[in-house]
Amino acid sequence: NAAYLQGSKVFNSITLKAGLRLESTNMNGH
């Protein structure tokens, strides 16, 4: 499962985007 968080800001002609992805992994093998 994954959840995303993103934000962006424009400064004149420059675009800056920053974010996080949180991922939960559960595996079981035999």
All heavy atoms as atom14 arrays in JSON, in Angstrom:
{
  "sequence": "NAAYLQGSKVFNSITLKAGLRLESTNMNGH",
  "atom14_mask": [
    [1, 1, 1, 1, 1, 1, 1, 1, 0, 0, 0, 0, 0, 0],
    [1, 1, 1, 1, 1, 0, 0, 0, 0, 0, 0, 0, 0, 0],
    [1, 1, 1, 1, 1, 0, 0, 0, 0, 0, 0, 0, 0, 0],
    [1, 1, 1, 1, 1, 1, 1, 1, 1, 1, 1, 1, 0, 0],
    [1, 1, 1, 1, 1, 1, 1, 1, 0, 0, 0, 0, 0, 0],
    [1, 1, 1, 1, 1, 1, 1, 1, 1, 0, 0, 0, 0, 0],
    [1, 1, 1, 1, 0, 0, 0, 0, 0, 0, 0, 0, 0, 0],
    [1, 1, 1, 1, 1, 1, 0, 0, 0, 0, 0, 0, 0, 0],
    [1, 1, 1, 1, 1, 1, 1, 1, 1, 0, 0, 0, 0, 0],
    [1, 1, 1, 1, 1, 1, 1, 0, 0, 0, 0, 0, 0, 0],
    [1, 1, 1, 1, 1, 1, 1, 1, 1, 1, 1, 0, 0, 0],
    [1, 1, 1, 1, 1, 1, 1, 1, 0, 0, 0, 0, 0, 0],
    [1, 1, 1, 1, 1, 1, 0, 0, 0, 0, 0, 0, 0, 0],
    [1, 1, 1, 1, 1, 1, 1, 1, 0, 0, 0, 0, 0, 0],
    [1, 1, 1, 1, 1, 1, 1, 0, 0, 0, 0, 0, 0, 0],
    [1, 1, 1, 1, 1, 1, 1, 1, 0, 0, 0, 0, 0, 0],
    [1, 1, 1, 1, 1, 1, 1, 1, 1, 0, 0, 0, 0, 0],
    [1, 1, 1, 1, 1, 0, 0, 0, 0, 0, 0, 0, 0, 0],
    [1, 1, 1, 1, 0, 0, 0, 0, 0, 0, 0, 0, 0, 0],
    [1, 1, 1, 1, 1, 1, 1, 1, 0, 0, 0, 0, 0, 0],
    [1, 1, 1, 1, 1, 1, 1, 1, 1, 1, 1, 0, 0, 0],
    [1, 1, 1, 1, 1, 1, 1, 1, 0, 0, 0, 0, 0, 0],
    [1, 1, 1, 1, 1, 1, 1, 1, 1, 0, 0, 0, 0, 0],
    [1, 1, 1, 1, 1, 1, 0, 0, 0, 0, 0, 0, 0, 0],
    [1, 1, 1, 1, 1, 1, 1, 0, 0, 0, 0, 0, 0, 0],
    [1, 1, 1, 1, 1, 1, 1, 1, 0, 0, 0, 0, 0, 0],
    [1, 1, 1, 1, 1, 1, 1, 1, 0, 0, 0, 0, 0, 0],
    [1, 1, 1, 1, 1, 1, 1, 1, 0, 0, 0, 0, 0, 0],
    [1, 1, 1, 1, 0, 0, 0, 0, 0, 0, 0, 0, 0, 0],
    [1, 1, 1, 1, 1, 1, 1, 1, 1, 1, 0, 0, 0, 0]
  ],
  "atom14_positions": [
    [[0.85, -1.19, 0.0], [0.0, 0.0, 0.0], [0.88, 1.24, 0.0], [1.98, 1.22, 0.55], [-0.9, 0.02, 1.25], [-1.79, -1.2, 1.3], [-2.66, -1.36, 0.47], [-1.54, -2.07, 2.26], [0.0, 0.0, 0.0], [0.0, 0.0, 0.0], [0.0, 0.0, 0.0], [0.0, 0.0, 0.0], [0.0, 0.0, 0.0], [0.0, 0.0, 0.0]],
    [[0.38, 2.32, -0.6], [1.16, 3.55, -0.67], [0.25, 4.76, -0.49], [-0.92, 4.74, -0.87], [1.89, 3.65, -2.0], [0.0, 0.0, 0.0], [0.0, 0.0, 0.0], [0.0, 0.0, 0.0], [0.0, 0.0, 0.0], [0.0, 0.0, 0.0], [0.0, 0.0, 0.0], [0.0, 0.0, 0.0], [0.0, 0.0, 0.0], [0.0, 0.0, 0.0]],
    [[0.82, 5.82, 0.1], [0.13, 7.11, 0.24], [1.1, 8.2, -0.23], [2.31, 8.09, -0.03], [-0.26, 7.34, 1.7], [0.0, 0.0, 0.0], [0.0, 0.0, 0.0], [0.0, 0.0, 0.0], [0.0, 0.0, 0.0], [0.0, 0.0, 0.0], [0.0, 0.0, 0.0], [0.0, 0.0, 0.0], [0.0, 0.0, 0.0], [0.0, 0.0, 0.0]],
    [[0.55, 9.21, -0.88], [1.37, 10.28, -1.47], [0.96, 11.63, -0.91], [-0.22, 11.89, -0.67], [1.18, 10.31, -2.99], [1.56, 9.04, -3.69], [0.65, 7.99, -3.8], [2.83, 8.88, -4.2], [1.01, 6.82, -4.44], [3.2, 7.7, -4.85], [2.27, 6.68, -4.96], [2.62, 5.51, -5.59], [0.0, 0.0, 0.0], [0.0, 0.0, 0.0]],
    [[1.95, 12.51, -0.76], [1.72, 13.89, -0.36], [2.63, 14.76, -1.23], [3.84, 14.5, -1.32], [2.06, 14.07, 1.12], [1.92, 15.48, 1.69], [0.45, 15.9, 1.67], [2.46, 15.52, 3.1], [0.0, 0.0, 0.0], [0.0, 0.0, 0.0], [0.0, 0.0, 0.0], [0.0, 0.0, 0.0], [0.0, 0.0, 0.0], [0.0, 0.0, 0.0]],
    [[2.04, 15.76, -1.89], [2.83, 16.59, -2.79], [2.4, 18.05, -2.68], [1.23, 18.35, -2.49], [2.63, 16.13, -4.24], [3.36, 17.0, -5.26], [3.16, 16.49, -6.67], [3.52, 15.36, -6.97], [2.61, 17.31, -7.53], [0.0, 0.0, 0.0], [0.0, 0.0, 0.0], [0.0, 0.0, 0.0], [0.0, 0.0, 0.0], [0.0, 0.0, 0.0]],
    [[3.38, 18.95, -2.81], [3.11, 20.38, -2.84], [3.97, 21.03, -3.92], [5.02, 20.52, -4.28], [0.0, 0.0, 0.0], [0.0, 0.0, 0.0], [0.0, 0.0, 0.0], [0.0, 0.0, 0.0], [0.0, 0.0, 0.0], [0.0, 0.0, 0.0], [0.0, 0.0, 0.0], [0.0, 0.0, 0.0], [0.0, 0.0, 0.0], [0.0, 0.0, 0.0]],
    [[3.5, 22.15, -4.46], [4.28, 22.84, -5.48], [4.18, 24.35, -5.28], [3.23, 24.87, -4.71], [3.79, 22.47, -6.88], [2.47, 22.9, -7.08], [0.0, 0.0, 0.0], [0.0, 0.0, 0.0], [0.0, 0.0, 0.0], [0.0, 0.0, 0.0], [0.0, 0.0, 0.0], [0.0, 0.0, 0.0], [0.0, 0.0, 0.0], [0.0, 0.0, 0.0]],
    [[5.21, 25.02, -5.78], [5.29, 26.48, -5.68], [5.96, 27.0, -6.94], [6.95, 26.42, -7.41], [6.1, 26.86, -4.43], [6.26, 28.34, -4.2], [4.98, 28.95, -3.69], [5.25, 30.41, -3.35], [4.05, 31.15, -3.1], [0.0, 0.0, 0.0], [0.0, 0.0, 0.0], [0.0, 0.0, 0.0], [0.0, 0.0, 0.0], [0.0, 0.0, 0.0]],
    [[5.43, 28.09, -7.5], [6.01, 28.71, -8.7], [6.67, 30.02, -8.29], [6.06, 30.87, -7.64], [4.93, 28.96, -9.76], [5.52, 29.65, -10.97], [4.26, 27.65, -10.16], [0.0, 0.0, 0.0], [0.0, 0.0, 0.0], [0.0, 0.0, 0.0], [0.0, 0.0, 0.0], [0.0, 0.0, 0.0], [0.0, 0.0, 0.0], [0.0, 0.0, 0.0]],
    [[7.94, 30.18, -8.68], [8.71, 31.4, -8.46], [9.1, 31.95, -9.83], [10.01, 31.4, -10.47], [10.0, 31.11, -7.67], [9.77, 30.44, -6.34], [9.86, 29.06, -6.22], [9.46, 31.18, -5.21], [9.67, 28.43, -5.02], [9.26, 30.55, -3.99], [9.36, 29.18, -3.89], [0.0, 0.0, 0.0], [0.0, 0.0, 0.0], [0.0, 0.0, 0.0]],
    [[8.41, 32.99, -10.29], [8.61, 33.54, -11.64], [8.48, 32.42, -12.67], [7.39, 31.92, -12.88], [9.94, 34.27, -11.75], [9.99, 35.51, -10.86], [8.97, 36.16, -10.66], [11.15, 35.79, -10.3], [0.0, 0.0, 0.0], [0.0, 0.0, 0.0], [0.0, 0.0, 0.0], [0.0, 0.0, 0.0], [0.0, 0.0, 0.0], [0.0, 0.0, 0.0]],
    [[9.56, 31.98, -13.31], [9.47, 30.91, -14.31], [10.0, 29.58, -13.77], [10.21, 28.64, -14.52], [10.27, 31.29, -15.56], [11.64, 31.43, -15.23], [0.0, 0.0, 0.0], [0.0, 0.0, 0.0], [0.0, 0.0, 0.0], [0.0, 0.0, 0.0], [0.0, 0.0, 0.0], [0.0, 0.0, 0.0], [0.0, 0.0, 0.0], [0.0, 0.0, 0.0]],
    [[10.21, 29.48, -12.48], [10.74, 28.25, -11.87], [9.62, 27.57, -11.06], [8.96, 28.2, -10.25], [11.93, 28.57, -10.94], [13.06, 29.23, -11.72], [12.4, 27.31, -10.24], [14.18, 29.74, -10.86], [0.0, 0.0, 0.0], [0.0, 0.0, 0.0], [0.0, 0.0, 0.0], [0.0, 0.0, 0.0], [0.0, 0.0, 0.0], [0.0, 0.0, 0.0]],
    [[9.44, 26.29, -11.34], [8.46, 25.49, -10.59], [9.21, 24.5, -9.7], [10.06, 23.76, -10.16], [7.54, 24.71, -11.55], [6.89, 25.63, -12.42], [6.51, 23.92, -10.78], [0.0, 0.0, 0.0], [0.0, 0.0, 0.0], [0.0, 0.0, 0.0], [0.0, 0.0, 0.0], [0.0, 0.0, 0.0], [0.0, 0.0, 0.0], [0.0, 0.0, 0.0]],
    [[8.85, 24.51, -8.43], [9.44, 23.6, -7.46], [8.33, 22.71, -6.9], [7.31, 23.22, -6.43], [10.11, 24.38, -6.32], [10.68, 23.56, -5.17], [11.84, 22.69, -5.66], [11.13, 24.48, -4.05], [0.0, 0.0, 0.0], [0.0, 0.0, 0.0], [0.0, 0.0, 0.0], [0.0, 0.0, 0.0], [0.0, 0.0, 0.0], [0.0, 0.0, 0.0]],
    [[8.53, 21.41, -7.0], [7.59, 20.45, -6.43], [8.34, 19.57, -5.44], [9.46, 19.13, -5.71], [6.97, 19.55, -7.5], [6.06, 20.29, -8.45], [5.43, 19.31, -9.43], [4.53, 20.05, -10.39], [3.87, 19.13, -11.34], [0.0, 0.0, 0.0], [0.0, 0.0, 0.0], [0.0, 0.0, 0.0], [0.0, 0.0, 0.0], [0.0, 0.0, 0.0]],
    [[7.72, 19.3, -4.32], [8.31, 18.43, -3.31], [7.21, 17.51, -2.78], [6.03, 17.87, -2.77], [8.92, 19.24, -2.17], [0.0, 0.0, 0.0], [0.0, 0.0, 0.0], [0.0, 0.0, 0.0], [0.0, 0.0, 0.0], [0.0, 0.0, 0.0], [0.0, 0.0, 0.0], [0.0, 0.0, 0.0], [0.0, 0.0, 0.0], [0.0, 0.0, 0.0]],
    [[7.61, 16.33, -2.36], [6.61, 15.4, -1.86], [7.21, 14.22, -1.14], [8.42, 14.06, -1.05], [0.0, 0.0, 0.0], [0.0, 0.0, 0.0], [0.0, 0.0, 0.0], [0.0, 0.0, 0.0], [0.0, 0.0, 0.0], [0.0, 0.0, 0.0], [0.0, 0.0, 0.0], [0.0, 0.0, 0.0], [0.0, 0.0, 0.0], [0.0, 0.0, 0.0]],
    [[6.31, 13.39, -0.65], [6.67, 12.16, 0.06], [5.78, 11.02, -0.4], [4.6, 11.22, -0.7], [6.47, 12.32, 1.57], [7.38, 13.28, 2.32], [6.88, 13.44, 3.75], [8.8, 12.75, 2.32], [0.0, 0.0, 0.0], [0.0, 0.0, 0.0], [0.0, 0.0, 0.0], [0.0, 0.0, 0.0], [0.0, 0.0, 0.0], [0.0, 0.0, 0.0]],
    [[6.35, 9.84, -0.46], [5.56, 8.62, -0.68], [5.84, 7.7, 0.5], [7.0, 7.4, 0.81], [5.96, 7.94, -1.98], [5.09, 6.71, -2.25], [5.42, 6.06, -3.58], [6.41, 5.01, -3.37], [7.48, 4.83, -4.13], [7.72, 5.62, -5.15], [8.33, 3.85, -3.87], [0.0, 0.0, 0.0], [0.0, 0.0, 0.0], [0.0, 0.0, 0.0]],
    [[4.81, 7.27, 1.15], [4.9, 6.33, 2.27], [4.39, 4.98, 1.76], [3.29, 4.9, 1.22], [4.05, 6.81, 3.45], [4.06, 5.94, 4.69], [5.42, 6.0, 5.36], [2.98, 6.39, 5.64], [0.0, 0.0, 0.0], [0.0, 0.0, 0.0], [0.0, 0.0, 0.0], [0.0, 0.0, 0.0], [0.0, 0.0, 0.0], [0.0, 0.0, 0.0]],
    [[5.21, 3.96, 1.89], [4.86, 2.65, 1.35], [4.94, 1.58, 2.43], [5.95, 1.47, 3.13], [5.8, 2.31, 0.2], [5.42, 1.08, -0.57], [6.3, 0.9, -1.79], [6.1, 1.64, -2.77], [7.19, 0.05, -1.74], [0.0, 0.0, 0.0], [0.0, 0.0, 0.0], [0.0, 0.0, 0.0], [0.0, 0.0, 0.0], [0.0, 0.0, 0.0]],
    [[3.89, 0.8, 2.56], [3.84, -0.32, 3.5], [3.89, -1.63, 2.71], [3.07, -1.85, 1.82], [2.55, -0.25, 4.32], [2.38, -1.42, 5.07], [0.0, 0.0, 0.0], [0.0, 0.0, 0.0], [0.0, 0.0, 0.0], [0.0, 0.0, 0.0], [0.0, 0.0, 0.0], [0.0, 0.0, 0.0], [0.0, 0.0, 0.0], [0.0, 0.0, 0.0]],
    [[4.85, -2.49, 3.04], [5.04, -3.75, 2.32], [4.9, -4.91, 3.3], [5.55, -4.93, 4.35], [6.44, -3.81, 1.68], [6.59, -2.69, 0.8], [6.64, -5.1, 0.9], [0.0, 0.0, 0.0], [0.0, 0.0, 0.0], [0.0, 0.0, 0.0], [0.0, 0.0, 0.0], [0.0, 0.0, 0.0], [0.0, 0.0, 0.0], [0.0, 0.0, 0.0]],
    [[4.05, -5.86, 2.95], [3.87, -7.08, 3.74], [3.94, -8.27, 2.79], [3.11, -8.41, 1.89], [2.51, -7.08, 4.45], [2.41, -5.95, 5.44], [3.13, -5.92, 6.41], [1.53, -5.01, 5.17], [0.0, 0.0, 0.0], [0.0, 0.0, 0.0], [0.0, 0.0, 0.0], [0.0, 0.0, 0.0], [0.0, 0.0, 0.0], [0.0, 0.0, 0.0]],
    [[4.94, -9.13, 2.99], [5.11, -10.33, 2.15], [5.3, -11.54, 3.05], [5.96, -11.46, 4.08], [6.33, -10.19, 1.26], [6.21, -9.16, 0.2], [7.62, -9.3, -0.91], [8.26, -7.66, -0.8], [0.0, 0.0, 0.0], [0.0, 0.0, 0.0], [0.0, 0.0, 0.0], [0.0, 0.0, 0.0], [0.0, 0.0, 0.0], [0.0, 0.0, 0.0]],
    [[4.74, -12.66, 2.61], [4.87, -13.91, 3.34], [4.99, -15.03, 2.31], [4.06, -15.24, 1.53], [3.65, -14.11, 4.24], [3.84, -15.25, 5.21], [4.88, -15.88, 5.26], [2.81, -15.51, 5.99], [0.0, 0.0, 0.0], [0.0, 0.0, 0.0], [0.0, 0.0, 0.0], [0.0, 0.0, 0.0], [0.0, 0.0, 0.0], [0.0, 0.0, 0.0]],
    [[6.13, -15.72, 2.29], [6.34, -16.78, 1.31], [6.82, -18.05, 1.96], [7.48, -18.03, 3.0], [0.0, 0.0, 0.0], [0.0, 0.0, 0.0], [0.0, 0.0, 0.0], [0.0, 0.0, 0.0], [0.0, 0.0, 0.0], [0.0, 0.0, 0.0], [0.0, 0.0, 0.0], [0.0, 0.0, 0.0], [0.0, 0.0, 0.0], [0.0, 0.0, 0.0]],
    [[6.49, -19.17, 1.32], [6.87, -20.47, 1.87], [7.05, -21.46, 0.72], [6.11, -21.77, 0.01], [5.8, -20.98, 2.83], [6.14, -22.27, 3.49], [7.02, -22.35, 4.54], [5.72, -23.54, 3.26], [7.12, -23.63, 4.92], [6.34, -24.35, 4.16], [0.0, 0.0, 0.0], [0.0, 0.0, 0.0], [0.0, 0.0, 0.0], [0.0, 0.0, 0.0]]
  ]
}
